[in-house]
Protein backbone atom coordinates (compact mmCIF):
# COMPACT_ATOMS: atom_id res chain seq x y z
CA UNK A 1 18.86 -11.37 4.84
CA UNK A 2 16.24 -10.23 2.29
CA UNK A 3 16.76 -8.05 -0.75
CA UNK A 4 14.47 -6.79 -3.53
CA UNK A 5 16.15 -6.74 -6.96
CA UNK A 6 15.22 -6.92 -10.68
CA UNK A 7 14.30 -10.40 -11.92
CA UNK A 8 16.73 -12.40 -14.08
CA UNK A 9 16.24 -15.58 -16.17
CA UNK A 10 17.45 -17.86 -13.35
CA UNK A 11 14.49 -16.67 -11.28
CA UNK A 12 11.94 -18.27 -13.64
CA UNK A 13 11.30 -21.44 -11.49
CA UNK A 14 10.74 -19.23 -8.48
CA UNK A 15 8.24 -17.05 -10.38
CA UNK A 16 6.40 -20.14 -11.59
CA UNK A 17 6.08 -21.36 -8.00
CA UNK A 18 4.90 -17.93 -6.78
CA UNK A 19 2.36 -17.68 -9.67
CA UNK A 20 0.93 -21.03 -8.73
CA UNK A 21 0.64 -20.19 -5.03
CA UNK A 22 -0.89 -16.74 -5.46
CA UNK A 23 -4.28 -16.38 -3.74
CA UNK A 24 -6.36 -15.79 -5.75
CA UNK A 25 -4.64 -16.47 -9.07
CA UNK A 26 -3.49 -13.17 -10.63
CA UNK A 27 -4.16 -12.03 -14.18
CA UNK A 28 -0.80 -10.25 -14.32
CA UNK A 29 1.06 -13.28 -12.97
CA UNK A 30 -0.19 -16.21 -15.05
CA UNK A 31 0.78 -19.78 -14.29
CA UNK A 32 2.38 -19.99 -17.73
CA UNK A 33 6.13 -20.54 -18.20
CA UNK A 34 6.44 -18.85 -21.57
CA UNK A 35 4.50 -15.76 -20.45
CA UNK A 36 6.57 -15.43 -17.29
CA UNK A 37 9.80 -15.87 -19.27
CA UNK A 38 8.57 -13.07 -21.63
CA UNK A 39 7.96 -10.77 -18.69
CA UNK A 40 11.53 -11.28 -17.35
CA UNK A 41 12.94 -10.58 -20.84
CA UNK A 42 10.84 -7.42 -21.22
CA UNK A 43 11.98 -6.23 -17.81
CA UNK A 44 15.63 -6.71 -18.63
CA UNK A 45 15.20 -4.85 -21.94
CA UNK A 46 13.50 -1.93 -20.17
CA UNK A 47 16.35 -1.72 -17.65
CA UNK A 48 18.92 -1.69 -20.47
CA UNK A 49 17.29 1.19 -22.32
CA UNK A 50 17.47 4.95 -21.78
CA UNK A 51 13.90 6.12 -21.28
CA UNK A 52 12.55 9.65 -21.13
CA UNK A 53 8.84 8.93 -20.66
CA UNK A 54 6.69 5.90 -19.80
CA UNK A 55 5.62 3.44 -22.49
CA UNK A 56 5.10 -0.30 -22.74
CA UNK A 57 7.88 -1.14 -20.29
CA UNK A 58 7.39 -3.58 -17.43
CA UNK A 59 9.79 -3.95 -14.47
CA UNK A 60 9.70 -7.30 -12.68
CA UNK A 61 11.23 -7.50 -9.26
CA UNK A 62 11.88 -10.43 -6.91
CA UNK A 63 12.40 -10.72 -3.20
CA UNK A 64 15.33 -13.04 -2.50
CA UNK A 65 16.12 -14.69 0.80
CA UNK A 66 19.89 -14.96 0.57
CA UNK A 67 20.27 -17.32 3.47
CA UNK A 68 17.92 -19.82 1.87
CA UNK A 69 19.01 -19.00 -1.67
CA UNK A 70 15.35 -18.76 -2.69
CA UNK A 71 13.18 -16.30 -4.54
CA UNK A 72 10.29 -15.85 -2.07
CA UNK A 73 8.34 -12.99 -3.59
CA UNK A 74 7.73 -11.05 -6.82
CA UNK A 75 6.10 -7.73 -7.79
CA UNK A 76 5.88 -5.73 -11.01
CA UNK A 77 5.47 -2.19 -12.26
CA UNK A 78 3.85 -1.57 -15.62
CA UNK A 79 5.05 1.88 -16.70
CA UNK A 80 1.79 2.59 -18.52
CA UNK A 81 -1.11 0.29 -17.84
CA UNK A 82 -2.58 0.63 -21.34
CA UNK A 83 0.50 1.20 -23.46
CA UNK A 84 0.02 -1.95 -25.62
CA UNK A 85 -3.75 -2.27 -25.37
CA UNK A 86 -6.38 -0.40 -23.43
CA UNK A 87 -6.62 -1.23 -19.72
CA UNK A 88 -10.34 -1.69 -19.14
CA UNK A 89 -12.19 -1.16 -15.88
CA UNK A 90 -15.76 -0.39 -14.88
CA UNK A 91 -16.34 3.16 -13.65
CA UNK A 92 -18.99 3.69 -10.96
CA UNK A 93 -21.32 6.51 -11.97
CA UNK A 94 -24.67 7.99 -10.92
CA UNK A 95 -27.43 8.72 -13.43
CA UNK A 96 -30.49 10.79 -12.65
CA UNK A 97 -33.86 9.67 -13.99
CA UNK A 98 -36.56 12.30 -13.59
CA UNK A 99 -40.06 13.07 -14.77
CA UNK A 100 -41.80 16.38 -13.93
CA UNK A 101 -45.12 14.97 -15.10
CA UNK A 102 -44.94 12.11 -12.58
CA UNK A 103 -43.01 14.12 -10.00
CA UNK A 104 -40.33 11.44 -9.90
CA UNK A 105 -36.61 11.87 -9.46
CA UNK A 106 -34.35 8.86 -8.92
CA UNK A 107 -30.59 8.53 -8.67
CA UNK A 108 -29.48 5.27 -10.22
CA UNK A 109 -26.04 3.69 -9.80
CA UNK A 110 -24.40 2.36 -12.96
CA UNK A 111 -21.13 0.88 -14.16
CA UNK A 112 -19.66 2.09 -17.46
CA UNK A 113 -16.84 0.45 -19.42
CA UNK A 114 -13.76 2.71 -19.18
CA UNK A 115 -10.13 2.81 -20.21
CA UNK A 116 -9.16 5.95 -18.24
CA UNK A 117 -6.69 3.98 -16.07
CA UNK A 118 -4.64 3.21 -19.21
CA UNK A 119 -2.45 6.28 -18.70
CA UNK A 120 -1.46 5.43 -15.11
CA UNK A 121 1.57 3.38 -13.99
CA UNK A 122 0.29 0.13 -12.50
CA UNK A 123 1.70 -1.67 -9.49
CA UNK A 124 0.70 -5.33 -9.99
CA UNK A 125 1.55 -9.03 -9.95
CA UNK A 126 2.60 -9.24 -6.31
CA UNK A 127 2.92 -12.68 -4.77
CA UNK A 128 4.70 -13.61 -1.54
CA UNK A 129 5.66 -16.96 -0.09
CA UNK A 130 3.24 -17.73 2.80
CA UNK A 131 6.16 -18.12 5.23
CA UNK A 132 6.90 -14.37 4.96
CA UNK A 133 3.40 -12.93 5.24
CA UNK A 134 2.90 -10.68 8.21
CA UNK A 135 6.63 -9.77 8.35
CA UNK A 136 8.59 -6.74 7.20
CA UNK A 137 9.28 -8.70 3.99
CA UNK A 138 5.73 -8.04 2.89
CA UNK A 139 6.10 -4.26 3.19
CA UNK A 140 9.53 -4.33 1.62
CA UNK A 141 8.31 -6.18 -1.46
CA UNK A 142 5.25 -4.05 -1.85
CA UNK A 143 6.90 -0.63 -1.37
CA UNK A 144 10.40 -1.17 -2.80
CA UNK A 145 8.78 -0.45 -6.16
CA UNK A 146 8.01 3.06 -4.91
CA UNK A 147 11.72 3.49 -3.98
CA UNK A 148 12.58 2.56 -7.58
CA UNK A 149 10.00 4.97 -9.05
CA UNK A 150 11.28 7.78 -6.83
CA UNK A 151 14.74 7.46 -8.35
CA UNK A 152 13.60 7.15 -11.98
CA UNK A 153 10.46 9.33 -12.18
CA UNK A 154 10.86 9.94 -15.91
CA UNK A 155 10.08 6.28 -16.54
CA UNK A 156 6.64 6.47 -14.88
CA UNK A 157 3.37 8.36 -14.92
CA UNK A 158 2.42 11.03 -12.37
CA UNK A 159 -0.50 8.88 -11.36
CA UNK A 160 0.02 5.40 -9.83
CA UNK A 161 -2.70 2.80 -9.60
CA UNK A 162 -3.14 -0.60 -7.95
CA UNK A 163 -5.94 -3.06 -8.81
CA UNK A 164 -6.72 -5.42 -5.94
CA UNK A 165 -8.26 -8.87 -6.42
CA UNK A 166 -11.99 -8.83 -5.81
CA UNK A 167 -14.22 -10.85 -3.50
CA UNK A 168 -14.69 -14.54 -4.25
CA UNK A 169 -17.11 -16.88 -2.48
CA UNK A 170 -16.25 -20.11 -0.67
CA UNK A 171 -16.18 -21.97 -4.02
CA UNK A 172 -13.69 -19.54 -5.53
CA UNK A 173 -16.41 -18.01 -7.72
CA UNK A 174 -16.88 -14.30 -8.37
CA UNK A 175 -20.51 -13.21 -7.71
CA UNK A 176 -19.90 -10.22 -9.92
CA UNK A 177 -18.58 -12.23 -12.84
CA UNK A 178 -21.45 -14.69 -12.56
CA UNK A 179 -23.95 -11.84 -12.66
CA UNK A 180 -22.28 -9.92 -15.51
CA UNK A 181 -19.47 -11.45 -17.55
CA UNK A 182 -20.64 -15.05 -17.68
CA UNK A 183 -23.69 -13.95 -19.74
CA UNK A 184 -21.36 -12.69 -22.52
CA UNK A 185 -18.47 -15.19 -22.37
CA UNK A 186 -20.19 -18.41 -21.16
CA UNK A 187 -17.03 -19.16 -19.22
CA UNK A 188 -16.24 -19.39 -15.51
CA UNK A 189 -14.30 -16.73 -13.64
CA UNK A 190 -11.16 -18.78 -13.17
CA UNK A 191 -11.03 -19.72 -16.83
CA UNK A 192 -11.48 -16.13 -18.11
CA UNK A 193 -8.98 -14.82 -15.56
CA UNK A 194 -6.36 -17.26 -16.88
CA UNK A 195 -7.11 -16.39 -20.54
CA UNK A 196 -6.67 -12.69 -19.77
CA UNK A 197 -3.22 -13.44 -18.37
CA UNK A 198 -1.88 -15.42 -21.33
CA UNK A 199 -3.66 -13.78 -24.29
CA UNK A 200 -4.47 -10.31 -25.59
CA UNK A 201 -7.26 -8.61 -23.66
CA UNK A 202 -8.84 -7.17 -26.83
CA UNK A 203 -11.69 -9.65 -26.33
CA UNK A 204 -12.94 -7.49 -23.51
CA UNK A 205 -13.95 -4.62 -25.85
CA UNK A 206 -15.12 -7.09 -28.43
CA UNK A 207 -17.57 -8.96 -26.21
CA UNK A 208 -18.37 -6.92 -23.08
CA UNK A 209 -21.44 -4.59 -23.27
CA UNK A 210 -20.64 -1.01 -24.23
CA UNK A 211 -23.68 0.43 -22.52
CA UNK A 212 -23.90 1.25 -18.80
CA UNK A 213 -24.87 -1.59 -16.43
CA UNK A 214 -27.58 -0.68 -13.96
CA UNK A 215 -26.63 -2.01 -10.52
CA UNK A 216 -30.24 -2.51 -9.53
CA UNK A 217 -30.49 -5.21 -12.20
CA UNK A 218 -27.57 -7.19 -10.81
CA UNK A 219 -27.94 -9.88 -8.18
CA UNK A 220 -27.53 -8.73 -4.52
CA UNK A 221 -24.28 -10.73 -4.09
CA UNK A 222 -22.87 -9.07 -7.22
CA UNK A 223 -23.74 -5.60 -5.98
CA UNK A 224 -22.17 -6.38 -2.60
CA UNK A 225 -18.92 -7.44 -4.29
CA UNK A 226 -18.37 -4.15 -6.18
CA UNK A 227 -15.28 -2.45 -4.76
CA UNK A 228 -14.74 -5.22 -2.21
CA UNK A 229 -11.24 -6.71 -1.96
CA UNK A 230 -10.41 -10.42 -1.57
CA UNK A 231 -10.04 -11.18 2.18
CA UNK A 232 -6.41 -12.28 1.70
CA UNK A 233 -5.60 -8.79 0.46
CA UNK A 234 -7.18 -6.70 3.21
CA UNK A 235 -3.85 -6.04 4.93
CA UNK A 236 -2.20 -5.08 1.64
CA UNK A 237 -4.99 -2.61 0.78
CA UNK A 238 -4.79 -1.14 4.26
CA UNK A 239 -1.04 -0.53 3.88
CA UNK A 240 -1.45 1.14 0.50
CA UNK A 241 -4.18 3.40 1.84
CA UNK A 242 -1.80 4.33 4.69
CA UNK A 243 0.81 5.02 2.00
CA UNK A 244 -1.52 7.67 0.56
CA UNK A 245 -3.50 5.87 -2.10
CA UNK A 246 -7.29 6.50 -2.27
CA UNK A 247 -10.14 4.46 -3.67
CA UNK A 248 -11.15 5.56 -7.15
CA UNK A 249 -14.46 5.11 -8.92
CA UNK A 250 -12.95 2.28 -10.96
CA UNK A 251 -13.28 -1.43 -10.27
CA UNK A 252 -11.90 -4.51 -12.01
CA UNK A 253 -13.84 -5.60 -15.04
CA UNK A 254 -13.85 -9.29 -14.05
CA UNK A 255 -14.38 -9.45 -10.24
CA UNK A 256 -15.18 -5.76 -9.41
CA UNK A 257 -12.18 -5.57 -7.07
CA UNK A 258 -11.16 -2.03 -5.99
CA UNK A 259 -8.77 0.12 -8.03
CA UNK A 260 -6.87 2.63 -5.89
CA UNK A 261 -4.81 5.55 -7.19
CA UNK A 262 -2.54 8.36 -6.07
CA UNK A 263 -0.44 11.23 -7.35
CA UNK A 264 2.98 9.77 -6.65
CA UNK A 265 4.36 12.92 -4.98
CA UNK A 266 1.65 12.66 -2.31
CA UNK A 267 2.72 9.18 -1.23
CA UNK A 268 4.47 8.77 2.14
CA UNK A 269 7.50 7.02 0.67
CA UNK A 270 8.07 9.91 -1.79
CA UNK A 271 7.52 12.61 0.82
CA UNK A 272 9.64 11.02 3.55
CA UNK A 273 12.48 9.54 1.53
CA UNK A 274 15.89 11.22 1.94
CA UNK A 275 19.39 10.79 0.44
CA UNK A 276 22.17 10.05 2.90
CA UNK A 277 25.89 9.39 2.42
CA UNK A 278 26.90 5.99 3.74
CA UNK A 279 29.09 5.39 6.73
CA UNK A 280 30.09 1.75 7.31
CA UNK A 281 30.34 0.47 10.89
CA UNK A 282 30.34 -2.98 12.49
CA UNK A 283 26.83 -4.25 13.08
CA UNK A 284 27.40 -4.53 16.83
CA UNK A 285 28.34 -0.85 16.95
CA UNK A 286 25.17 0.42 15.27
CA UNK A 287 22.72 2.23 17.59
CA UNK A 288 19.14 1.05 17.91
CA UNK A 289 16.90 2.74 15.34
CA UNK A 290 13.59 2.30 13.58
CA UNK A 291 13.67 0.12 10.48
CA UNK A 292 13.83 1.75 7.02
CA UNK A 293 13.89 0.80 3.41
CA UNK A 294 17.34 1.51 1.97
CA UNK A 295 17.95 1.54 -1.82
CA UNK A 296 21.04 2.04 -3.88
CA UNK A 297 21.28 4.29 -6.97
CA UNK A 298 21.75 1.61 -9.61
CA UNK A 299 19.20 0.93 -12.36
CA UNK A 300 19.68 -2.64 -13.52
CA UNK A 301 21.60 -3.33 -10.29
CA UNK A 302 18.81 -1.88 -8.14
CA UNK A 303 18.78 -3.27 -4.59
CA UNK A 304 16.44 -2.42 -1.70
CA UNK A 305 16.72 -3.83 1.84
CA UNK A 306 15.34 -3.21 5.33
CA UNK A 307 17.96 -1.94 7.77
CA UNK A 308 18.16 0.35 10.78
CA UNK A 309 17.61 4.04 10.10
CA UNK A 310 20.72 4.86 12.14
CA UNK A 311 22.05 8.37 11.42
CA UNK A 312 25.31 9.92 12.59
CA UNK A 313 25.30 13.45 14.05
CA UNK A 314 26.36 14.68 10.59
CA UNK A 315 23.48 12.96 8.75
CA UNK A 316 25.37 9.91 7.47
CA UNK A 317 23.44 6.62 7.34
CA UNK A 318 25.35 4.00 9.28
CA UNK A 319 25.24 0.59 7.59
CA UNK A 320 26.78 -2.74 8.56
CA UNK A 321 29.41 -4.12 6.14
CA UNK A 322 26.87 -6.85 5.22
CA UNK A 323 24.17 -4.41 4.20
CA UNK A 324 26.65 -2.16 2.39
CA UNK A 325 27.92 -5.17 0.39
CA UNK A 326 24.38 -6.26 -0.41
CA UNK A 327 23.59 -2.77 -1.71
CA UNK A 328 26.89 -2.58 -3.54
CA UNK A 329 27.83 0.74 -1.90
CA UNK A 330 31.03 2.06 -0.46
CA UNK A 331 31.69 4.60 2.27
CA UNK A 332 30.50 8.06 1.24
CA UNK A 333 28.18 6.76 -1.49
CA UNK A 334 24.60 8.10 -1.27
CA UNK A 335 21.62 5.81 -0.66
CA UNK A 336 17.88 6.58 -0.56
CA UNK A 337 16.15 5.85 2.76
CA UNK A 338 12.49 5.95 3.77
CA UNK A 339 10.90 4.85 7.07
CA UNK A 340 9.34 1.39 6.93
CA UNK A 341 6.54 2.31 9.36
CA UNK A 342 3.44 4.14 8.08
CA UNK A 343 0.85 6.06 10.05
CA UNK A 344 -2.63 4.70 10.12
CA UNK A 345 -4.28 5.60 6.84
CA UNK A 346 -7.88 6.63 6.12
CA UNK A 347 -10.08 4.65 3.80
CA UNK A 348 -10.89 7.57 1.51
CA UNK A 349 -13.06 7.42 -1.61
CA UNK A 350 -12.02 9.83 -4.28
CA UNK A 351 -15.09 11.18 -6.05
CA UNK A 352 -13.06 13.06 -8.60
CA UNK A 353 -11.68 11.88 -11.91
CA UNK A 354 -8.75 9.48 -12.07
């Protein structure tokens, strides 16, 4: 039985293992014990506070396999991406160069340093044990965060964003970084990615060029990598697009991976989630039903599981005693439910502002 819950100090070894096995290595999930411990502590502090609007809070969740007694996944929400320091991206733009004298008009694609995403809430730092990839555990871990946001909207921004790892070649190198960032930092992609995870990111504004980058001056592999996700994250990106996220003009400043965004109320989980009172029945007596994410109403005791979306004629959600105990709910208590399945999403590019 699998459950998503807030991280606690005892989960630190599991987070270290997941950080080390993430493909590719994640800036927001560094292989650094002290930084991971700090993230757990910050998460616990955020859950213990009364909050009326988003700030520098981070909420770290884990996916626990209760039968194995293992933490097998982790994912985080940053309430405001740039609360502590600006969250930098490159914004794709089009400039027009024209000359009436020469009768020339050219549209030129550029990348401009931006911190517009700083105001959004960021879903990040997701890593899942390879044994659970391709199962419902993957969707549960990824989208349980939306179930949490739906219950505590005051803690988060109206706009949600997700930055996906960008394309790397067979040697684990980023063509985009090698064509852009390496000229200013004289460091490899893996090295700078690690530094960004364990130190302040103020060095980005200090060293990266402030003027637009003309795509025509980049190498062909670098141009091809812009907005392209890492192959291991294609399924994840597809699911989030089906959820209702759209591609923005922003890409990651290091590897040019895509940044997707959405108004949270437009997401499928928000639109289709419903409160139901609980009715507890033996597992063998539950009717067949489509799977759903089921979450309790607790803050620091938040729990989210996958269970059958089995409703009684009067609209009660029928849960087994095992699932009820796992959620910490009694008969008659309300839980939030949302279908696990999503319709096929469209790969839409949002040409508007984030």
